[in-house]
Amino acid sequence: ERRAPLRTWANACGPIDRRQPVEVEESRTAPVKMEPEHRWVGLLSYGSVEDPVLLYPHDLQGLHNLHTLVPSLLRHEVEMALENLDLIWDRTYAWDMFLDMMRTQMQCSFPNPDLPGHFTDATRAILVEWIIQVHELLQFQEETLYLAMHLLNRSLRQLKVSVANLQLLGMVCLFLAAKKGESLLPEVSGLCSLMDHTYTKHQLLRMERKVLCALKFDLSFSPPLHFLLLFASVARCSAAVVWMARYLLELSLLEAQCVVFLPVQLAGAALCLARQVLQECPTPEGEAAWCLASSVHVGSEPTLLRIMHILASAAAKASSQETCATFIKYSSPKTLQVSRHPGLNNAAGLLSVCS
């Protein structure tokens, strides 16, 4: 398989949202009668660190009644975080956007991590590694990378693609993701040159049509990066914790077994592991804010611990594997060199003590 040698560049692109606010019906923004907040007693305890309180005590049931389950304090923090992250234009629509993110992400996981018989996890990891390098070379936003990976995971399960055309499929998924989120797009001929002209423009455009038809033109996706930044903002996390969590979250793209988890679960687990690795001195205000952010995590504690173990294992071997583009990307001063943090070498030990 011929793959163009690429140089990994530091990602200089931050999340930019270009969606315009849409009008909503008055009934959706009307005040909703809130239930008594006795369920949340002790949530903001300053005395000790409590276990995360799940927003959905009965798994995912009752999502449509989220208005009645969330205390006003958490709703206010979510709205403030979305506005501070420039993910919205008007705070009036913040809560509706958050609800839409929660609904959309329910469709972003897969029932099992199995790939078609002629593909292996190692083959997929090599392809993802190459896509990460192309993404860096083209200086796309990080959301584009996560959407491209989601489209790739769906396409591998819905299209019959030979190993010889796997690189072409990866490039098409990145191209489609860029069309949705980027302002400037590369020429198709430029994309072919990145593949060392292994494929022609006609082949690329034909594969693009096949992918769109197989996916029924559905490119909707709630990236785990948005949930991570949202949680980090609510929890008042430091820049080091945020960069470490972003590094761990991107490592999850290389792990085929992570496709069975929801984006909100991946984001929560990455942030939890980042806090454990860095071991920053806790403050009463910080722990109270963290308890509040933890209440948004969907899923059980064993699920989060399982994801954390996967991420810890991936981080421990990231520097020694052939697929090390993410490790190099997050070893630059811009990212605070979080991938070289010595605590990652003992991440599995930290998890064993925690569990």
Protein backbone atom coordinates (compact mmCIF):
# COMPACT_ATOMS: atom_id res chain seq x y z
CA GLU A 1 0.00 0.00 0.00
CA ARG A 2 1.41 3.36 -1.05
CA ARG A 3 0.96 6.17 1.38
CA ALA A 4 2.39 9.64 1.00
CA PRO A 5 4.87 10.51 3.77
CA LEU A 6 3.42 13.30 5.83
CA ARG A 7 4.81 15.53 8.45
CA THR A 8 2.83 15.96 11.62
CA TRP A 9 2.18 19.59 12.38
CA ALA A 10 0.92 21.06 15.63
CA ASN A 11 -2.76 21.75 15.45
CA ALA A 12 -3.40 25.47 15.53
CA CYS A 13 -7.13 25.27 14.98
CA GLY A 14 -9.60 25.87 17.78
CA PRO A 15 -13.28 25.02 17.79
CA ILE A 16 -15.27 27.45 15.70
CA ASP A 17 -19.02 27.17 15.36
CA ARG A 18 -20.62 28.67 12.25
CA ARG A 19 -24.16 27.61 12.91
CA GLN A 20 -26.69 30.39 13.09
CA PRO A 21 -29.31 30.41 15.84
CA VAL A 22 -32.71 29.27 14.70
CA GLU A 23 -36.05 30.31 15.98
CA VAL A 24 -37.79 27.93 18.32
CA GLU A 25 -41.38 27.68 19.30
CA GLU A 26 -42.46 29.65 22.32
CA SER A 27 -43.57 26.50 24.10
CA ARG A 28 -40.00 25.17 24.06
CA THR A 29 -38.65 28.20 25.87
CA ALA A 30 -41.56 28.58 28.28
CA PRO A 31 -40.70 28.13 31.98
CA VAL A 32 -40.91 24.55 33.08
CA LYS A 33 -42.01 23.56 36.54
CA MET A 34 -38.95 22.19 38.30
CA GLU A 35 -39.08 19.21 40.60
CA PRO A 36 -37.78 19.60 44.15
CA GLU A 37 -34.02 19.49 44.16
CA HIS A 38 -33.72 17.01 47.01
CA ARG A 39 -32.08 14.59 44.56
CA TRP A 40 -29.13 16.93 44.41
CA VAL A 41 -28.65 17.43 48.16
CA GLY A 42 -24.93 17.22 48.93
CA LEU A 43 -23.92 17.66 45.31
CA LEU A 44 -21.95 20.79 46.14
CA SER A 45 -20.52 19.50 49.41
CA TYR A 46 -17.22 21.16 50.16
CA GLY A 47 -16.15 18.65 52.76
CA SER A 48 -15.21 15.69 50.59
CA VAL A 49 -15.11 14.47 47.04
CA GLU A 50 -18.19 12.46 46.28
CA ASP A 51 -18.83 9.89 43.57
CA PRO A 52 -20.22 11.38 40.37
CA VAL A 53 -24.00 11.70 40.46
CA LEU A 54 -25.52 10.44 37.23
CA LEU A 55 -27.91 12.71 35.44
CA TYR A 56 -29.91 9.68 34.36
CA PRO A 57 -30.22 7.31 37.32
CA HIS A 58 -32.17 4.88 35.13
CA ASP A 59 -29.69 4.89 32.24
CA LEU A 60 -31.01 6.88 29.23
CA GLN A 61 -34.71 6.95 30.08
CA GLY A 62 -36.42 10.29 30.43
CA LEU A 63 -34.18 12.33 28.17
CA HIS A 64 -37.22 14.24 26.91
CA ASN A 65 -37.94 15.32 30.49
CA LEU A 66 -34.47 16.70 31.04
CA HIS A 67 -35.92 20.09 31.94
CA THR A 68 -37.44 18.64 35.11
CA LEU A 69 -34.34 16.71 36.16
CA VAL A 70 -31.69 19.43 35.98
CA PRO A 71 -31.41 21.95 38.79
CA SER A 72 -31.25 25.58 37.82
CA LEU A 73 -27.60 25.88 38.88
CA LEU A 74 -26.40 23.20 36.45
CA ARG A 75 -28.50 24.62 33.64
CA HIS A 76 -27.04 28.07 34.22
CA GLU A 77 -23.48 26.66 34.21
CA VAL A 78 -24.08 24.77 30.96
CA GLU A 79 -25.46 27.87 29.29
CA MET A 80 -22.52 29.96 30.48
CA ALA A 81 -20.02 27.33 29.32
CA LEU A 82 -21.52 27.08 25.83
CA GLU A 83 -21.39 30.85 25.49
CA ASN A 84 -17.80 31.09 26.77
CA LEU A 85 -16.70 28.40 24.33
CA ASP A 86 -18.25 30.30 21.40
CA LEU A 87 -20.41 27.28 20.60
CA ILE A 88 -23.51 29.48 20.46
CA TRP A 89 -24.36 32.98 19.29
CA ASP A 90 -27.13 33.70 21.76
CA ARG A 91 -27.56 32.26 25.26
CA THR A 92 -31.30 32.14 24.61
CA TYR A 93 -30.73 28.99 22.57
CA ALA A 94 -28.01 27.47 24.75
CA TRP A 95 -30.16 24.94 26.54
CA ASP A 96 -31.92 23.86 23.35
CA MET A 97 -28.54 23.31 21.75
CA PHE A 98 -27.37 21.22 24.68
CA LEU A 99 -30.51 19.08 24.49
CA ASP A 100 -29.92 18.59 20.78
CA MET A 101 -26.33 17.53 21.46
CA MET A 102 -27.55 14.96 23.98
CA ARG A 103 -30.13 13.57 21.58
CA THR A 104 -27.82 13.45 18.57
CA GLN A 105 -25.02 11.67 20.39
CA MET A 106 -27.32 8.72 21.12
CA GLN A 107 -26.86 7.73 17.47
CA CYS A 108 -23.07 8.06 17.51
CA SER A 109 -22.12 4.68 18.99
CA PHE A 110 -22.13 1.17 17.55
CA PRO A 111 -23.48 -2.04 19.08
CA ASN A 112 -20.10 -3.78 18.77
CA PRO A 113 -16.55 -2.93 17.65
CA ASP A 114 -16.38 -5.68 15.03
CA LEU A 115 -15.09 -4.73 11.59
CA PRO A 116 -15.68 -6.57 8.30
CA GLY A 117 -13.76 -9.82 8.12
CA HIS A 118 -10.90 -8.64 5.89
CA PHE A 119 -10.12 -5.62 8.11
CA THR A 120 -8.24 -5.74 11.39
CA ASP A 121 -7.85 -3.27 14.24
CA ALA A 122 -4.21 -2.77 13.20
CA THR A 123 -5.25 -1.88 9.65
CA ARG A 124 -7.80 0.59 10.96
CA ALA A 125 -5.24 2.14 13.34
CA ILE A 126 -2.79 2.72 10.46
CA LEU A 127 -5.52 4.42 8.44
CA VAL A 128 -6.59 6.61 11.37
CA GLU A 129 -2.95 7.55 11.96
CA TRP A 130 -2.64 8.67 8.34
CA ILE A 131 -5.88 10.67 8.49
CA ILE A 132 -4.64 12.46 11.61
CA GLN A 133 -1.49 13.48 9.73
CA VAL A 134 -3.48 14.72 6.72
CA HIS A 135 -5.79 16.61 9.06
CA GLU A 136 -2.81 18.36 10.63
CA LEU A 137 -1.25 19.10 7.28
CA LEU A 138 -4.42 20.79 6.03
CA GLN A 139 -4.86 22.65 9.34
CA PHE A 140 -8.49 21.68 9.75
CA GLN A 141 -10.45 22.21 12.95
CA GLU A 142 -10.41 19.42 15.50
CA GLU A 143 -14.15 18.87 15.12
CA THR A 144 -13.48 17.94 11.48
CA LEU A 145 -11.21 15.11 12.60
CA TYR A 146 -13.81 13.62 14.95
CA LEU A 147 -16.55 13.85 12.33
CA ALA A 148 -14.27 12.21 9.75
CA MET A 149 -13.61 9.32 12.14
CA HIS A 150 -17.32 8.90 12.76
CA LEU A 151 -18.06 8.82 9.04
CA LEU A 152 -15.25 6.31 8.54
CA ASN A 153 -16.61 4.01 11.25
CA ARG A 154 -20.07 4.11 9.70
CA SER A 155 -18.79 3.62 6.16
CA LEU A 156 -16.71 0.59 7.09
CA ARG A 157 -19.88 -1.09 8.34
CA GLN A 158 -22.21 -0.07 5.51
CA LEU A 159 -19.99 -0.19 2.43
CA LYS A 160 -18.12 -3.02 0.77
CA VAL A 161 -14.63 -1.58 0.43
CA SER A 162 -11.50 -3.49 -0.49
CA VAL A 163 -8.25 -3.03 1.40
CA ALA A 164 -6.78 -1.39 -1.71
CA ASN A 165 -9.39 1.40 -1.49
CA LEU A 166 -9.19 1.89 2.25
CA GLN A 167 -6.97 4.97 1.98
CA LEU A 168 -9.36 6.45 -0.57
CA LEU A 169 -12.28 5.92 1.80
CA GLY A 170 -10.41 7.65 4.61
CA MET A 171 -9.64 10.67 2.45
CA VAL A 172 -13.26 10.91 1.28
CA CYS A 173 -14.53 10.84 4.88
CA LEU A 174 -12.13 13.65 5.79
CA PHE A 175 -13.19 15.60 2.70
CA LEU A 176 -16.89 15.26 3.57
CA ALA A 177 -16.23 16.33 7.17
CA ALA A 178 -14.33 19.37 5.89
CA LYS A 179 -17.22 20.30 3.60
CA LYS A 180 -19.48 20.46 6.62
CA GLY A 181 -17.25 22.38 9.00
CA GLU A 182 -14.50 24.23 7.16
CA SER A 183 -14.56 27.59 5.39
CA LEU A 184 -11.72 26.81 2.98
CA LEU A 185 -11.48 23.47 1.18
CA PRO A 186 -8.52 21.97 -0.68
CA GLU A 187 -8.77 21.13 -4.36
CA VAL A 188 -9.61 17.55 -5.22
CA SER A 189 -6.36 17.36 -7.18
CA GLY A 190 -4.52 18.40 -4.02
CA LEU A 191 -6.12 15.56 -2.08
CA CYS A 192 -5.01 13.14 -4.80
CA SER A 193 -1.45 14.41 -4.49
CA LEU A 194 -1.54 13.68 -0.74
CA MET A 195 -2.30 10.08 -1.70
CA ASP A 196 0.71 10.13 -4.06
CA HIS A 197 -1.72 10.03 -7.01
CA THR A 198 -2.60 6.44 -6.19
CA TYR A 199 -6.20 7.36 -7.05
CA THR A 200 -7.63 9.73 -9.65
CA LYS A 201 -10.04 12.62 -9.17
CA HIS A 202 -12.79 10.56 -10.79
CA GLN A 203 -12.25 7.72 -8.31
CA LEU A 204 -12.35 10.12 -5.35
CA LEU A 205 -15.58 11.80 -6.45
CA ARG A 206 -17.18 8.46 -7.24
CA MET A 207 -16.29 7.15 -3.76
CA GLU A 208 -17.73 10.35 -2.29
CA ARG A 209 -21.08 9.64 -3.95
CA LYS A 210 -21.03 6.05 -2.72
CA VAL A 211 -20.37 7.14 0.86
CA LEU A 212 -23.09 9.80 0.82
CA CYS A 213 -25.63 7.37 -0.58
CA ALA A 214 -24.68 4.68 1.94
CA LEU A 215 -25.02 7.16 4.82
CA LYS A 216 -28.24 8.59 3.32
CA PHE A 217 -26.64 12.05 3.40
CA ASP A 218 -26.78 12.03 7.20
CA LEU A 219 -23.63 13.75 8.48
CA SER A 220 -25.00 14.75 11.89
CA PHE A 221 -22.65 14.18 14.80
CA SER A 222 -22.06 15.50 18.31
CA PRO A 223 -18.26 15.29 18.72
CA PRO A 224 -16.93 14.18 22.11
CA LEU A 225 -14.62 17.19 22.00
CA HIS A 226 -17.59 19.52 22.54
CA PHE A 227 -18.68 17.56 25.59
CA LEU A 228 -15.14 17.55 26.94
CA LEU A 229 -14.76 21.32 26.61
CA LEU A 230 -18.20 21.79 28.14
CA PHE A 231 -17.40 19.61 31.16
CA ALA A 232 -14.00 21.27 31.59
CA SER A 233 -15.57 24.72 31.55
CA VAL A 234 -18.23 23.80 34.11
CA ALA A 235 -15.63 22.07 36.30
CA ARG A 236 -13.21 25.05 36.11
CA CYS A 237 -10.38 22.76 34.94
CA SER A 238 -6.91 24.15 34.36
CA ALA A 239 -5.34 24.40 30.92
CA ALA A 240 -3.07 21.44 31.68
CA VAL A 241 -6.02 19.21 32.53
CA VAL A 242 -7.86 20.27 29.38
CA TRP A 243 -4.88 19.55 27.12
CA MET A 244 -4.27 16.21 28.79
CA ALA A 245 -7.93 15.26 28.35
CA ARG A 246 -7.85 16.30 24.70
CA TYR A 247 -4.79 14.13 24.17
CA LEU A 248 -6.44 11.12 25.80
CA LEU A 249 -9.63 11.71 23.85
CA GLU A 250 -7.78 11.77 20.54
CA LEU A 251 -6.04 8.52 21.46
CA SER A 252 -9.49 6.95 21.65
CA LEU A 253 -9.80 7.43 17.88
CA LEU A 254 -7.10 4.81 17.41
CA GLU A 255 -8.90 2.29 19.62
CA ALA A 256 -11.55 0.34 17.71
CA GLN A 257 -13.20 -0.80 20.95
CA CYS A 258 -14.10 2.80 21.83
CA VAL A 259 -16.73 3.01 19.07
CA VAL A 260 -19.28 1.29 21.34
CA PHE A 261 -19.30 4.20 23.80
CA LEU A 262 -21.24 7.45 23.60
CA PRO A 263 -19.33 10.70 22.98
CA VAL A 264 -20.39 12.03 26.37
CA GLN A 265 -18.96 8.92 28.04
CA LEU A 266 -15.64 9.22 26.20
CA ALA A 267 -15.35 12.88 27.14
CA GLY A 268 -16.16 12.25 30.80
CA ALA A 269 -13.69 9.38 31.06
CA ALA A 270 -10.89 11.37 29.38
CA LEU A 271 -11.40 14.27 31.77
CA CYS A 272 -11.51 11.99 34.83
CA LEU A 273 -8.28 10.25 33.79
CA ALA A 274 -6.56 13.56 33.06
CA ARG A 275 -7.34 14.77 36.59
CA GLN A 276 -5.94 11.57 38.07
CA VAL A 277 -2.75 11.67 35.99
CA LEU A 278 -1.91 15.30 36.78
CA GLN A 279 -2.87 15.06 40.47
CA GLU A 280 -3.42 18.79 40.87
CA CYS A 281 -4.05 20.10 44.35
CA PRO A 282 -7.82 20.20 44.88
CA THR A 283 -9.64 23.24 46.17
CA PRO A 284 -13.13 23.32 47.73
CA GLU A 285 -14.46 25.47 44.89
CA GLY A 286 -12.84 23.23 42.28
CA GLU A 287 -14.22 20.02 43.79
CA ALA A 288 -17.70 21.52 44.01
CA ALA A 289 -17.54 22.52 40.36
CA TRP A 290 -16.25 19.06 39.42
CA CYS A 291 -19.16 17.38 41.21
CA LEU A 292 -21.52 19.60 39.24
CA ALA A 293 -19.86 18.71 35.93
CA SER A 294 -19.80 15.02 36.81
CA SER A 295 -23.57 15.01 37.13
CA VAL A 296 -23.85 15.27 33.34
CA HIS A 297 -22.00 12.01 32.67
CA VAL A 298 -24.28 9.44 31.09
CA GLY A 299 -23.59 5.85 32.05
CA SER A 300 -22.55 3.79 35.01
CA GLU A 301 -19.31 4.07 36.95
CA PRO A 302 -18.05 0.68 35.64
CA THR A 303 -18.51 1.99 32.08
CA LEU A 304 -16.43 5.08 32.79
CA LEU A 305 -13.74 2.98 34.49
CA ARG A 306 -13.63 0.66 31.51
CA ILE A 307 -13.04 3.57 29.15
CA MET A 308 -10.40 5.02 31.47
CA HIS A 309 -8.52 1.71 31.45
CA ILE A 310 -8.57 1.66 27.64
CA LEU A 311 -7.27 5.23 27.45
CA ALA A 312 -4.62 4.62 30.10
CA SER A 313 -3.34 1.59 28.22
CA ALA A 314 -3.27 3.52 24.94
CA ALA A 315 -1.37 6.42 26.54
CA ALA A 316 1.22 4.13 28.13
CA LYS A 317 2.20 2.62 24.77
CA ALA A 318 1.61 5.67 22.54
CA SER A 319 5.28 6.66 22.22
CA SER A 320 6.52 3.18 21.35
CA GLN A 321 4.00 2.29 18.66
CA GLU A 322 4.22 2.89 14.92
CA THR A 323 1.04 4.96 15.12
CA CYS A 324 2.47 7.84 17.16
CA ALA A 325 1.20 10.91 15.29
CA THR A 326 -1.05 11.91 18.20
CA PHE A 327 1.83 11.51 20.66
CA ILE A 328 4.03 13.80 18.55
CA LYS A 329 1.19 16.28 18.07
CA TYR A 330 0.70 16.73 21.81
CA SER A 331 4.40 16.83 22.66
CA SER A 332 4.80 20.42 21.44
CA PRO A 333 5.07 23.44 23.78
CA LYS A 334 1.73 24.70 22.45
CA THR A 335 0.00 21.69 23.99
CA LEU A 336 2.10 21.91 27.19
CA GLN A 337 3.86 18.68 26.16
CA VAL A 338 1.16 16.65 27.89
CA SER A 339 1.94 13.46 25.95
CA ARG A 340 5.38 13.35 27.62
CA HIS A 341 4.02 13.68 31.15
CA PRO A 342 5.66 11.02 33.36
CA GLY A 343 2.35 10.30 35.04
CA LEU A 344 1.06 8.62 31.89
CA ASN A 345 3.57 5.81 32.33
CA ASN A 346 1.86 4.88 35.58
CA ALA A 347 -1.71 5.63 34.48
CA ALA A 348 -2.71 1.98 34.76
CA GLY A 349 -1.43 1.91 38.34
CA LEU A 350 -3.48 4.98 39.22
CA LEU A 351 -6.57 3.34 37.81
CA SER A 352 -6.03 0.13 39.75
CA VAL A 353 -5.86 2.10 42.98
CA CYS A 354 -8.96 4.08 42.03
CA SER A 355 -11.04 1.04 41.05
